[in-house]
PDB file of N, CA and C in Angstrom:
ATOM      1  N   MET A   1       9.673  14.171 -25.528  1.00  0.00           N
ATOM      2  CA  MET A   1      10.043  12.889 -24.772  1.00  0.00           C
ATOM      3  C   MET A   1       8.884  12.430 -24.348  1.00  0.00           C
ATOM      4  N   TRP A   2       8.791  10.861 -24.341  1.00  0.00           N
ATOM      5  CA  TRP A   2       7.711  10.117 -24.091  1.00  0.00           C
ATOM      6  C   TRP A   2       7.352  10.149 -22.556  1.00  0.00           C
ATOM      7  N   VAL A   3       6.195  10.136 -21.822  1.00  0.00           N
ATOM      8  CA  VAL A   3       5.904  10.201 -20.605  1.00  0.00           C
ATOM      9  C   VAL A   3       4.740   9.127 -20.192  1.00  0.00           C
ATOM     10  N   ALA A   4       4.917   8.503 -19.365  1.00  0.00           N
ATOM     11  CA  ALA A   4       3.774   7.368 -18.820  1.00  0.00           C
ATOM     12  C   ALA A   4       2.445   8.301 -18.719  1.00  0.00           C
ATOM     13  N   GLN A   5       1.425   7.834 -19.057  1.00  0.00           N
ATOM     14  CA  GLN A   5       0.030   8.106 -18.726  1.00  0.00           C
ATOM     15  C   GLN A   5      -0.901   7.122 -17.983  1.00  0.00           C
ATOM     16  N   SER A   6      -0.243   6.173 -17.432  1.00  0.00           N
ATOM     17  CA  SER A   6      -0.725   5.033 -16.864  1.00  0.00           C
ATOM     18  C   SER A   6      -1.657   5.101 -15.396  1.00  0.00           C
ATOM     19  N   PRO A   7      -2.661   4.438 -15.309  1.00  0.00           N
ATOM     20  CA  PRO A   7      -3.181   4.463 -13.917  1.00  0.00           C
ATOM     21  C   PRO A   7      -2.365   4.024 -12.922  1.00  0.00           C
ATOM     22  N   PRO A   8      -2.696   4.075 -11.649  1.00  0.00           N
ATOM     23  CA  PRO A   8      -2.090   3.747 -10.603  1.00  0.00           C
ATOM     24  C   PRO A   8      -1.358   2.225 -10.655  1.00  0.00           C
ATOM     25  N   ALA A   9      -0.204   1.944 -10.485  1.00  0.00           N
ATOM     26  CA  ALA A   9       0.153   0.467 -10.500  1.00  0.00           C
ATOM     27  C   ALA A   9      -0.480  -0.368  -9.320  1.00  0.00           C
ATOM     28  N   PRO A  10      -0.732  -1.497  -9.717  1.00  0.00           N
ATOM     29  CA  PRO A  10      -1.496  -2.436  -8.610  1.00  0.00           C
ATOM     30  C   PRO A  10      -0.430  -2.805  -7.540  1.00  0.00           C
ATOM     31  N   LEU A  11      -0.346  -2.561  -6.366  1.00  0.00           N
ATOM     32  CA  LEU A  11       0.553  -2.800  -5.465  1.00  0.00           C
ATOM     33  C   LEU A  11       0.345  -4.196  -4.604  1.00  0.00           C
ATOM     34  N   LEU A  12      -0.548  -5.186  -5.451  1.00  0.00           N
ATOM     35  CA  LEU A  12      -0.704  -6.323  -4.780  1.00  0.00           C
ATOM     36  C   LEU A  12       0.394  -7.226  -4.985  1.00  0.00           C
ATOM     37  N   GLY A  13       0.216  -8.428  -4.608  1.00  0.00           N
ATOM     38  CA  GLY A  13       1.272  -9.517  -4.770  1.00  0.00           C
ATOM     39  C   GLY A  13       2.674  -9.394  -4.225  1.00  0.00           C
ATOM     40  N   VAL A  14       2.631  -8.583  -2.847  1.00  0.00           N
ATOM     41  CA  VAL A  14       3.837  -8.313  -2.299  1.00  0.00           C
ATOM     42  C   VAL A  14       3.858  -9.057  -1.019  1.00  0.00           C
ATOM     43  N   GLY A  15       2.813  -9.615  -0.808  1.00  0.00           N
ATOM     44  CA  GLY A  15       2.810 -10.353   0.551  1.00  0.00           C
ATOM     45  C   GLY A  15       1.890  -9.656   1.733  1.00  0.00           C
ATOM     46  N   PHE A  16       0.903  -8.921   0.945  1.00  0.00           N
ATOM     47  CA  PHE A  16       0.127  -8.147   2.110  1.00  0.00           C
ATOM     48  C   PHE A  16      -1.065  -8.878   2.384  1.00  0.00           C
ATOM     49  N   MET A  17      -1.530  -9.853   2.053  1.00  0.00           N
ATOM     50  CA  MET A  17      -2.556 -10.879   2.415  1.00  0.00           C
ATOM     51  C   MET A  17      -2.225 -11.490   3.774  1.00  0.00           C
ATOM     52  N   THR A  18      -3.417 -11.569   4.811  1.00  0.00           N
ATOM     53  CA  THR A  18      -3.135 -12.262   5.816  1.00  0.00           C
ATOM     54  C   THR A  18      -3.814 -13.301   6.084  1.00  0.00           C
ATOM     55  N   THR A  19      -3.502 -14.203   7.289  1.00  0.00           N
ATOM     56  CA  THR A  19      -4.099 -15.368   7.591  1.00  0.00           C
ATOM     57  C   THR A  19      -5.039 -15.168   8.717  1.00  0.00           C
ATOM     58  N   GLU A  20      -5.838 -16.110   9.321  1.00  0.00           N
ATOM     59  CA  GLU A  20      -6.649 -15.993  10.408  1.00  0.00           C
ATOM     60  C   GLU A  20      -5.763 -16.169  11.572  1.00  0.00           C
ATOM     61  N   ARG A  21      -4.495 -16.370  11.528  1.00  0.00           N
ATOM     62  CA  ARG A  21      -3.505 -16.526  12.763  1.00  0.00           C
ATOM     63  C   ARG A  21      -2.848 -15.310  12.889  1.00  0.00           C
ATOM     64  N   ASP A  22      -3.166 -14.248  12.027  1.00  0.00           N
ATOM     65  CA  ASP A  22      -2.425 -13.064  12.157  1.00  0.00           C
ATOM     66  C   ASP A  22      -3.390 -12.098  13.348  1.00  0.00           C
ATOM     67  N   PRO A  23      -2.599 -11.226  14.259  1.00  0.00           N
ATOM     68  CA  PRO A  23      -3.406 -10.775  15.417  1.00  0.00           C
ATOM     69  C   PRO A  23      -4.316  -9.648  14.627  1.00  0.00           C
ATOM     70  N   HIS A  24      -5.585  -9.376  15.172  1.00  0.00           N
ATOM     71  CA  HIS A  24      -6.588  -8.532  14.577  1.00  0.00           C
ATOM     72  C   HIS A  24      -6.312  -7.365  15.456  1.00  0.00           C
ATOM     73  N   VAL A  25      -6.135  -6.084  14.718  1.00  0.00           N
ATOM     74  CA  VAL A  25      -6.099  -4.788  15.311  1.00  0.00           C
ATOM     75  C   VAL A  25      -7.104  -3.841  15.042  1.00  0.00           C
ATOM     76  N   GLY A  26      -8.077  -3.448  15.882  1.00  0.00           N
ATOM     77  CA  GLY A  26      -8.915  -2.454  15.427  1.00  0.00           C
ATOM     78  C   GLY A  26      -8.273  -0.946  15.589  1.00  0.00           C
ATOM     79  N   VAL A  27      -8.701   0.076  14.611  1.00  0.00           N
ATOM     80  CA  VAL A  27      -8.207   1.198  14.819  1.00  0.00           C
ATOM     81  C   VAL A  27      -9.412   2.130  14.650  1.00  0.00           C
ATOM     82  N   ARG A  28      -9.272   3.474  15.290  1.00  0.00           N
ATOM     83  CA  ARG A  28     -10.415   4.548  14.925  1.00  0.00           C
ATOM     84  C   ARG A  28      -9.523   5.543  14.161  1.00  0.00           C
ATOM     85  N   LEU A  29     -10.223   5.830  12.960  1.00  0.00           N
ATOM     86  CA  LEU A  29      -9.602   6.829  11.914  1.00  0.00           C
ATOM     87  C   LEU A  29     -10.538   7.999  11.809  1.00  0.00           C
ATOM     88  N   PRO A  30     -10.149   9.381  11.712  1.00  0.00           N
ATOM     89  CA  PRO A  30     -11.051  10.396  11.307  1.00  0.00           C
ATOM     90  C   PRO A  30     -11.591  10.152   9.984  1.00  0.00           C
ATOM     91  N   ARG A  31     -12.566  10.485   9.758  1.00  0.00           N
ATOM     92  CA  ARG A  31     -13.325  10.219   8.694  1.00  0.00           C
ATOM     93  C   ARG A  31     -12.821  10.404   7.214  1.00  0.00           C
ATOM     94  N   ALA A  32     -11.964  11.683   7.298  1.00  0.00           N
ATOM     95  CA  ALA A  32     -11.237  12.174   6.152  1.00  0.00           C
ATOM     96  C   ALA A  32     -10.131  11.064   5.766  1.00  0.00           C
ATOM     97  N   GLN A  33      -9.339  10.483   6.646  1.00  0.00           N
ATOM     98  CA  GLN A  33      -8.382   9.662   6.510  1.00  0.00           C
ATOM     99  C   GLN A  33      -8.853   8.247   6.293  1.00  0.00           C
ATOM    100  N   LEU A  34     -10.134   7.993   6.576  1.00  0.00           N
ATOM    101  CA  LEU A  34     -10.704   6.720   6.214  1.00  0.00           C
ATOM    102  C   LEU A  34     -11.200   6.813   4.662  1.00  0.00           C
ATOM    103  N   ALA A  35     -11.583   7.881   4.191  1.00  0.00           N
ATOM    104  CA  ALA A  35     -12.156   8.252   2.845  1.00  0.00           C
ATOM    105  C   ALA A  35     -10.542   8.144   2.027  1.00  0.00           C
ATOM    106  N   GLN A  36      -9.503   8.493   2.388  1.00  0.00           N
ATOM    107  CA  GLN A  36      -8.266   8.208   1.622  1.00  0.00           C
ATOM    108  C   GLN A  36      -7.972   6.959   1.727  1.00  0.00           C
ATOM    109  N   VAL A  37      -8.227   6.023   2.594  1.00  0.00           N
ATOM    110  CA  VAL A  37      -7.820   4.645   2.648  1.00  0.00           C
ATOM    111  C   VAL A  37      -8.847   4.186   1.911  1.00  0.00           C
ATOM    112  N   ASP A  38     -10.103   4.336   1.691  1.00  0.00           N
ATOM    113  CA  ASP A  38     -11.016   3.793   0.733  1.00  0.00           C
ATOM    114  C   ASP A  38     -10.552   4.061  -0.526  1.00  0.00           C
ATOM    115  N   GLU A  39     -10.375   5.393  -0.990  1.00  0.00           N
ATOM    116  CA  GLU A  39      -9.851   5.704  -2.176  1.00  0.00           C
ATOM    117  C   GLU A  39      -8.511   4.992  -2.863  1.00  0.00           C
ATOM    118  N   LEU A  40      -7.676   4.530  -1.864  1.00  0.00           N
ATOM    119  CA  LEU A  40      -6.484   4.016  -2.302  1.00  0.00           C
ATOM    120  C   LEU A  40      -6.914   2.506  -2.653  1.00  0.00           C
ATOM    121  N   ALA A  41      -7.665   1.934  -1.774  1.00  0.00           N
ATOM    122  CA  ALA A  41      -8.228   0.597  -1.865  1.00  0.00           C
ATOM    123  C   ALA A  41      -8.999   0.249  -3.116  1.00  0.00           C
ATOM    124  N   LYS A  42      -9.776   1.168  -3.495  1.00  0.00           N
ATOM    125  CA  LYS A  42     -10.366   1.528  -4.917  1.00  0.00           C
ATOM    126  C   LYS A  42      -9.722   1.693  -5.928  1.00  0.00           C
ATOM    127  N   ASP A  43      -8.491   2.346  -5.900  1.00  0.00           N
ATOM    128  CA  ASP A  43      -7.659   2.740  -6.728  1.00  0.00           C
ATOM    129  C   ASP A  43      -6.643   1.295  -7.105  1.00  0.00           C
ATOM    130  N   HIS A  44      -6.351   0.552  -6.314  1.00  0.00           N
ATOM    131  CA  HIS A  44      -5.454  -0.635  -6.498  1.00  0.00           C
ATOM    132  C   HIS A  44      -6.281  -1.671  -6.388  1.00  0.00           C
ATOM    133  N   GLY A  45      -7.689  -1.804  -6.370  1.00  0.00           N
ATOM    134  CA  GLY A  45      -8.476  -2.947  -6.484  1.00  0.00           C
ATOM    135  C   GLY A  45      -8.110  -3.764  -5.025  1.00  0.00           C
ATOM    136  N   CYS A  46      -8.056  -3.549  -4.008  1.00  0.00           N
ATOM    137  CA  CYS A  46      -7.884  -4.186  -2.842  1.00  0.00           C
ATOM    138  C   CYS A  46      -8.912  -3.894  -1.709  1.00  0.00           C
ATOM    139  N   SER A  47      -8.668  -4.683  -0.636  1.00  0.00           N
ATOM    140  CA  SER A  47      -9.700  -4.098   0.420  1.00  0.00           C
ATOM    141  C   SER A  47      -9.098  -3.175   1.228  1.00  0.00           C
ATOM    142  N   ARG A  48     -10.013  -2.573   2.044  1.00  0.00           N
ATOM    143  CA  ARG A  48      -9.458  -1.644   3.016  1.00  0.00           C
ATOM    144  C   ARG A  48      -8.585  -2.071   4.210  1.00  0.00           C
ATOM    145  N   SER A  49      -8.423  -3.268   4.340  1.00  0.00           N
ATOM    146  CA  SER A  49      -7.471  -3.699   5.323  1.00  0.00           C
ATOM    147  C   SER A  49      -5.980  -3.978   4.667  1.00  0.00           C
ATOM    148  N   GLU A  50      -6.220  -4.293   3.303  1.00  0.00           N
ATOM    149  CA  GLU A  50      -5.031  -4.624   2.697  1.00  0.00           C
ATOM    150  C   GLU A  50      -4.489  -3.073   2.183  1.00  0.00           C
ATOM    151  N   ALA A  51      -5.306  -2.158   1.974  1.00  0.00           N
ATOM    152  CA  ALA A  51      -4.874  -0.778   1.619  1.00  0.00           C
ATOM    153  C   ALA A  51      -4.089  -0.221   2.967  1.00  0.00           C
ATOM    154  N   LEU A  52      -4.541  -0.612   4.229  1.00  0.00           N
ATOM    155  CA  LEU A  52      -4.022  -0.103   5.510  1.00  0.00           C
ATOM    156  C   LEU A  52      -2.594  -0.723   5.507  1.00  0.00           C
ATOM    157  N   ARG A  53      -2.467  -1.964   5.274  1.00  0.00           N
ATOM    158  CA  ARG A  53      -1.270  -2.690   5.472  1.00  0.00           C
ATOM    159  C   ARG A  53      -0.138  -2.017   4.514  1.00  0.00           C
ATOM    160  N   LEU A  54      -0.778  -1.489   3.021  1.00  0.00           N
ATOM    161  CA  LEU A  54       0.371  -1.057   2.244  1.00  0.00           C
ATOM    162  C   LEU A  54       1.053   0.204   2.916  1.00  0.00           C
ATOM    163  N   VAL A  55      -0.134   0.977   3.207  1.00  0.00           N
ATOM    164  CA  VAL A  55       0.242   2.270   4.175  1.00  0.00           C
ATOM    165  C   VAL A  55       1.399   2.179   5.084  1.00  0.00           C
ATOM    166  N   ILE A  56       0.946   0.905   5.919  1.00  0.00           N
ATOM    167  CA  ILE A  56       2.047   0.679   6.895  1.00  0.00           C
ATOM    168  C   ILE A  56       3.255   0.248   6.364  1.00  0.00           C
ATOM    169  N   HIS A  57       3.256  -0.751   5.496  1.00  0.00           N
ATOM    170  CA  HIS A  57       4.450  -1.149   4.697  1.00  0.00           C
ATOM    171  C   HIS A  57       5.329  -0.298   4.260  1.00  0.00           C
ATOM    172  N   TYR A  58       4.762   0.843   3.390  1.00  0.00           N
ATOM    173  CA  TYR A  58       5.611   2.089   2.759  1.00  0.00           C
ATOM    174  C   TYR A  58       6.018   3.155   3.681  1.00  0.00           C
ATOM    175  N   GLY A  59       4.855   3.271   4.860  1.00  0.00           N
ATOM    176  CA  GLY A  59       5.215   4.449   5.483  1.00  0.00           C
ATOM    177  C   GLY A  59       6.036   4.245   6.805  1.00  0.00           C
ATOM    178  N   LEU A  60       5.876   3.109   7.405  1.00  0.00           N
ATOM    179  CA  LEU A  60       6.742   2.811   8.607  1.00  0.00           C
ATOM    180  C   LEU A  60       8.080   2.950   8.620  1.00  0.00           C
ATOM    181  N   PRO A  61       8.689   2.494   7.627  1.00  0.00           N
ATOM    182  CA  PRO A  61      10.042   2.804   7.654  1.00  0.00           C
ATOM    183  C   PRO A  61      10.406   4.189   7.487  1.00  0.00           C
ATOM    184  N   MET A  62       9.725   5.122   6.905  1.00  0.00           N
ATOM    185  CA  MET A  62       9.946   6.622   6.982  1.00  0.00           C
ATOM    186  C   MET A  62       9.798   6.954   8.380  1.00  0.00           C
ATOM    187  N   ALA A  63       8.582   6.640   9.040  1.00  0.00           N
ATOM    188  CA  ALA A  63       8.247   6.981  10.281  1.00  0.00           C
ATOM    189  C   ALA A  63       9.411   6.705  11.478  1.00  0.00           C
ATOM    190  N   ARG A  64       9.929   5.597  11.185  1.00  0.00           N
ATOM    191  CA  ARG A  64      10.873   5.022  12.160  1.00  0.00           C
ATOM    192  C   ARG A  64      12.398   6.066  12.043  1.00  0.00           C
ATOM    193  N   LEU A  65      12.468   6.402  10.801  1.00  0.00           N
ATOM    194  CA  LEU A  65      13.566   7.241  10.522  1.00  0.00           C
ATOM    195  C   LEU A  65      13.423   8.424  10.918  1.00  0.00           C
ATOM    196  N   GLY A  66      12.129   9.150  11.058  1.00  0.00           N
ATOM    197  CA  GLY A  66      11.609  10.280  11.302  1.00  0.00           C
ATOM    198  C   GLY A  66      11.734  11.140  10.458  1.00  0.00           C
ATOM    199  N   THR A  67      11.570  10.701   9.167  1.00  0.00           N
ATOM    200  CA  THR A  67      11.648  11.364   7.996  1.00  0.00           C
ATOM    201  C   THR A  67      10.339  11.163   7.033  1.00  0.00           C
ATOM    202  N   SER A  68      10.167  12.329   6.184  1.00  0.00           N
ATOM    203  CA  SER A  68       9.034  12.317   5.216  1.00  0.00           C
ATOM    204  C   SER A  68       9.557  12.412   3.967  1.00  0.00           C
ATOM    205  N   LEU A  69       8.703  12.134   2.907  1.00  0.00           N
ATOM    206  CA  LEU A  69       8.872  12.637   1.599  1.00  0.00           C
ATOM    207  C   LEU A  69       8.191  13.791   1.275  1.00  0.00           C
ATOM    208  N   ASN A  70       8.935  15.029   1.022  1.00  0.00           N
ATOM    209  CA  ASN A  70       8.221  16.109   0.591  1.00  0.00           C
ATOM    210  C   ASN A  70       7.783  15.831  -1.139  1.00  0.00           C
ATOM    211  N   ILE A  71       6.706  15.635  -1.420  1.00  0.00           N
ATOM    212  CA  ILE A  71       6.365  15.202  -2.753  1.00  0.00           C
ATOM    213  C   ILE A  71       6.411  16.351  -3.679  1.00  0.00           C
ATOM    214  N   ALA A  72       6.241  17.751  -3.315  1.00  0.00           N
ATOM    215  CA  ALA A  72       6.384  18.722  -3.978  1.00  0.00           C
ATOM    216  C   ALA A  72       7.838  18.984  -4.467  1.00  0.00           C
ATOM    217  N   ARG A  73       8.737  18.860  -3.429  1.00  0.00           N
ATOM    218  CA  ARG A  73      10.213  19.011  -3.731  1.00  0.00           C
ATOM    219  C   ARG A  73      10.510  17.798  -4.725  1.00  0.00           C
ATOM    220  N   PHE A  74      10.210  16.736  -4.552  1.00  0.00           N
ATOM    221  CA  PHE A  74      10.460  15.427  -5.207  1.00  0.00           C
ATOM    222  C   PHE A  74      10.192  15.715  -6.520  1.00  0.00           C
ATOM    223  N   ALA A  75       9.132  16.081  -6.772  1.00  0.00           N
ATOM    224  CA  ALA A  75       8.453  16.386  -8.384  1.00  0.00           C
ATOM    225  C   ALA A  75       8.953  17.422  -8.862  1.00  0.00           C
ATOM    226  N   VAL A  76       9.377  18.634  -8.315  1.00  0.00           N
ATOM    227  CA  VAL A  76      10.403  19.563  -8.773  1.00  0.00           C
ATOM    228  C   VAL A  76      11.577  19.268  -9.440  1.00  0.00           C
ATOM    229  N   ALA A  77      12.453  18.311  -8.490  1.00  0.00           N
ATOM    230  CA  ALA A  77      13.706  17.641  -8.648  1.00  0.00           C
ATOM    231  C   ALA A  77      13.693  16.689  -9.900  1.00  0.00           C
ATOM    232  N   LEU A  78      12.531  15.924  -9.960  1.00  0.00           N
ATOM    233  CA  LEU A  78      12.091  14.853 -11.022  1.00  0.00           C
ATOM    234  C   LEU A  78      12.020  15.679 -12.305  1.00  0.00           C
ATOM    235  N   GLU A  79      11.052  16.443 -12.248  1.00  0.00           N
ATOM    236  CA  GLU A  79      11.017  17.348 -13.500  1.00  0.00           C
ATOM    237  C   GLU A  79      12.110  18.065 -13.986  1.00  0.00           C
ATOM    238  N   TYR A  80      12.796  18.645 -12.870  1.00  0.00           N
ATOM    239  CA  TYR A  80      14.208  19.293 -13.619  1.00  0.00           C
ATOM    240  C   TYR A  80      15.114  18.381 -14.329  1.00  0.00           C
ATOM    241  N   ALA A  81      15.099  17.249 -13.577  1.00  0.00           N
ATOM    242  CA  ALA A  81      16.237  16.269 -14.144  1.00  0.00           C
ATOM    243  C   ALA A  81      15.716  15.679 -15.448  1.00  0.00           C
ATOM    244  N   MET A  82      14.320  15.373 -15.748  1.00  0.00           N
ATOM    245  CA  MET A  82      13.812  14.870 -16.763  1.00  0.00           C
ATOM    246  C   MET A  82      13.993  15.861 -17.898  1.00  0.00           C
ATOM    247  N   ALA A  83      13.642  17.292 -17.706  1.00  0.00           N
ATOM    248  CA  ALA A  83      13.965  18.224 -18.593  1.00  0.00           C
ATOM    249  C   ALA A  83      15.349  18.613 -19.309  1.00  0.00           C
ATOM    250  N   ALA A  84      16.283  18.663 -18.220  1.00  0.00           N
ATOM    251  CA  ALA A  84      17.705  18.609 -18.535  1.00  0.00           C
ATOM    252  C   ALA A  84      18.002  17.328 -19.327  1.00  0.00           C
ATOM    253  N   CYS A  85      17.786  16.099 -19.005  1.00  0.00           N
ATOM    254  CA  CYS A  85      17.901  15.103 -19.932  1.00  0.00           C
ATOM    255  C   CYS A  85      17.341  15.040 -21.241  1.00  0.00           C
ATOM    256  N   SER A  86      16.290  15.760 -21.365  1.00  0.00           N
ATOM    257  CA  SER A  86      15.301  15.673 -22.585  1.00  0.00           C
ATOM    258  C   SER A  86      16.228  16.628 -23.571  1.00  0.00           C
ATOM    259  N   VAL A  87      16.502  17.568 -22.927  1.00  0.00           N
ATOM    260  CA  VAL A  87      17.259  18.864 -23.505  1.00  0.00           C
ATOM    261  C   VAL A  87      18.578  18.230 -24.161  1.00  0.00           C
ATOM    262  N   ILE A  88      19.424  17.594 -23.364  1.00  0.00           N
ATOM    263  CA  ILE A  88      20.799  17.186 -23.535  1.00  0.00           C
ATOM    264  C   ILE A  88      20.614  16.170 -24.804  1.00  0.00           C
ATOM    265  N   ILE A  89      19.635  15.166 -24.369  1.00  0.00           N
ATOM    266  CA  ILE A  89      19.577  13.812 -25.418  1.00  0.00           C
ATOM    267  C   ILE A  89      19.245  14.534 -26.757  1.00  0.00           C
ATOM    268  N   SER A  90      17.809  15.479 -26.906  1.00  0.00           N
ATOM    269  CA  SER A  90      17.743  15.927 -28.054  1.00  0.00           C
ATOM    270  C   SER A  90      18.646  16.840 -28.826  1.00  0.00           C
ATOM    271  N   ARG A  91      19.456  17.507 -27.938  1.00  0.00           N
ATOM    272  CA  ARG A  91      20.529  18.333 -28.858  1.00  0.00           C
ATOM    273  C   ARG A  91      21.863  17.656 -29.238  1.00  0.00           C
ATOM    274  N   GLU A  92      22.173  16.597 -28.204  1.00  0.00           N
ATOM    275  CA  GLU A  92      23.472  16.185 -28.543  1.00  0.00           C
ATOM    276  C   GLU A  92      23.463  14.605 -28.883  1.00  0.00           C
ATOM    277  N   HIS A  93      22.284  13.986 -28.787  1.00  0.00           N
ATOM    278  CA  HIS A  93      22.206  12.569 -28.975  1.00  0.00           C
ATOM    279  C   HIS A  93      21.018  12.371 -29.646  1.00  0.00           C
ATOM    280  N   ALA A  94      20.498  12.939 -30.522  1.00  0.00           N
ATOM    281  CA  ALA A  94      19.130  12.833 -31.257  1.00  0.00           C
ATOM    282  C   ALA A  94      19.266  11.343 -31.773  1.00  0.00           C
ATOM    283  N   ASP A  95      20.239  10.646 -32.206  1.00  0.00           N
ATOM    284  CA  ASP A  95      20.320   9.483 -32.845  1.00  0.00           C
ATOM    285  C   ASP A  95      19.898   8.377 -31.906  1.00  0.00           C
ATOM    286  N   VAL A  96      20.121   8.556 -30.527  1.00  0.00           N
ATOM    287  CA  VAL A  96      19.553   7.455 -29.635  1.00  0.00           C
ATOM    288  C   VAL A  96      18.329   7.904 -28.997  1.00  0.00           C
ATOM    289  N   LEU A  97      17.684   8.711 -29.258  1.00  0.00           N
ATOM    290  CA  LEU A  97      16.438   9.284 -28.361  1.00  0.00           C
ATOM    291  C   LEU A  97      15.674   7.996 -28.430  1.00  0.00           C
ATOM    292  N   GLU A  98      15.251   7.693 -29.472  1.00  0.00           N
ATOM    293  CA  GLU A  98      14.107   6.436 -29.574  1.00  0.00           C
ATOM    294  C   GLU A  98      14.504   5.216 -28.691  1.00  0.00           C
ATOM    295  N   ARG A  99      15.779   4.782 -28.765  1.00  0.00           N
ATOM    296  CA  ARG A  99      16.224   3.815 -27.989  1.00  0.00           C
ATOM    297  C   ARG A  99      16.263   4.074 -26.566  1.00  0.00           C
ATOM    298  N   VAL A 100      16.530   5.221 -26.081  1.00  0.00           N
ATOM    299  CA  VAL A 100      16.420   5.724 -24.426  1.00  0.00           C
ATOM    300  C   VAL A 100      14.735   5.604 -24.166  1.00  0.00           C
ATOM    301  N   GLU A 101      14.126   6.099 -25.179  1.00  0.00           N
ATOM    302  CA  GLU A 101      12.550   6.054 -24.634  1.00  0.00           C
ATOM    303  C   GLU A 101      12.027   4.404 -24.750  1.00  0.00           C
ATOM    304  N   ASP A 102      12.477   3.287 -25.591  1.00  0.00           N
ATOM    305  CA  ASP A 102      12.119   2.235 -25.490  1.00  0.00           C
ATOM    306  C   ASP A 102      12.699   1.809 -24.280  1.00  0.00           C
ATOM    307  N   THR A 103      13.883   2.143 -23.930  1.00  0.00           N
ATOM    308  CA  THR A 103      14.648   1.335 -22.451  1.00  0.00           C
ATOM    309  C   THR A 103      13.624   1.800 -21.455  1.00  0.00           C
ATOM    310  N   VAL A 104      13.070   3.221 -21.381  1.00  0.00           N
ATOM    311  CA  VAL A 104      12.500   3.835 -20.185  1.00  0.00           C
ATOM    312  C   VAL A 104      11.129   2.924 -20.248  1.00  0.00           C
ATOM    313  N   ARG A 105      10.573   2.905 -21.459  1.00  0.00           N
ATOM    314  CA  ARG A 105       9.156   1.913 -21.462  1.00  0.00           C
ATOM    315  C   ARG A 105       9.448   0.725 -20.758  1.00  0.00           C
ATOM    316  N   GLY A 106      10.566   0.070 -21.342  1.00  0.00           N
ATOM    317  CA  GLY A 106      10.810  -1.349 -20.500  1.00  0.00           C
ATOM    318  C   GLY A 106      10.988  -1.307 -19.021  1.00  0.00           C
ATOM    319  N   ARG A 107      11.736  -0.510 -18.740  1.00  0.00           N
ATOM    320  CA  ARG A 107      12.016  -0.575 -17.243  1.00  0.00           C
ATOM    321  C   ARG A 107      10.735  -0.239 -16.376  1.00  0.00           C
ATOM    322  N   LEU A 108       9.859   0.752 -17.080  1.00  0.00           N
ATOM    323  CA  LEU A 108       8.741   1.159 -16.294  1.00  0.00           C
ATOM    324  C   LEU A 108       7.741  -0.136 -16.141  1.00  0.00           C
ATOM    325  N   ASP A 109       7.732  -1.119 -17.333  1.00  0.00           N
ATOM    326  CA  ASP A 109       7.111  -2.290 -17.214  1.00  0.00           C
ATOM    327  C   ASP A 109       7.547  -3.334 -16.236  1.00  0.00           C
ATOM    328  N   GLU A 110       8.900  -3.343 -16.284  1.00  0.00           N
ATOM    329  CA  GLU A 110       9.596  -4.242 -15.533  1.00  0.00           C
ATOM    330  C   GLU A 110       9.822  -4.157 -14.034  1.00  0.00           C
ATOM    331  N   PHE A 111       9.998  -2.730 -13.611  1.00  0.00           N
ATOM    332  CA  PHE A 111      10.162  -2.190 -12.304  1.00  0.00           C
ATOM    333  C   PHE A 111       9.174  -1.651 -11.645  1.00  0.00           C
ATOM    334  N   HIS A 112       8.359  -0.942 -12.330  1.00  0.00           N
ATOM    335  CA  HIS A 112       7.139  -0.202 -11.973  1.00  0.00           C
ATOM    336  C   HIS A 112       5.724  -0.632 -12.167  1.00  0.00           C
ATOM    337  N   ARG A 113       5.651  -1.646 -13.213  1.00  0.00           N
ATOM    338  CA  ARG A 113       4.309  -2.094 -13.555  1.00  0.00           C
ATOM    339  C   ARG A 113       3.463  -1.085 -14.131  1.00  0.00           C
ATOM    340  N   PHE A 114       4.173   0.059 -15.018  1.00  0.00           N
ATOM    341  CA  PHE A 114       3.170   0.706 -15.805  1.00  0.00           C
ATOM    342  C   PHE A 114       3.084   0.307 -17.128  1.00  0.00           C
TER     343      PHE A 114
END
């Protein structure tokens, strides 16, 4: 089955730019965290400030709920579901496999920018 091998999708264009009227906030970060922020900014072609706004935008809702995303568990569940779907479609519905893959590609382009 087809799997996306794309680089990280740009997260820009979602309203993360600021104006001079927005308050300025200074933050001290450990070097390791700052390196991760810089890597995120480089990967997505944005400034360090915008990368931090992205982290806050996506992380703050989870922090408010007191939850986090267990990436390893999520990846296992996702791969299990993908493998099960692949086996079922290949075995029981091989005639529509290509159409399913085309639909997945289209949805990745439309909703996830892959």
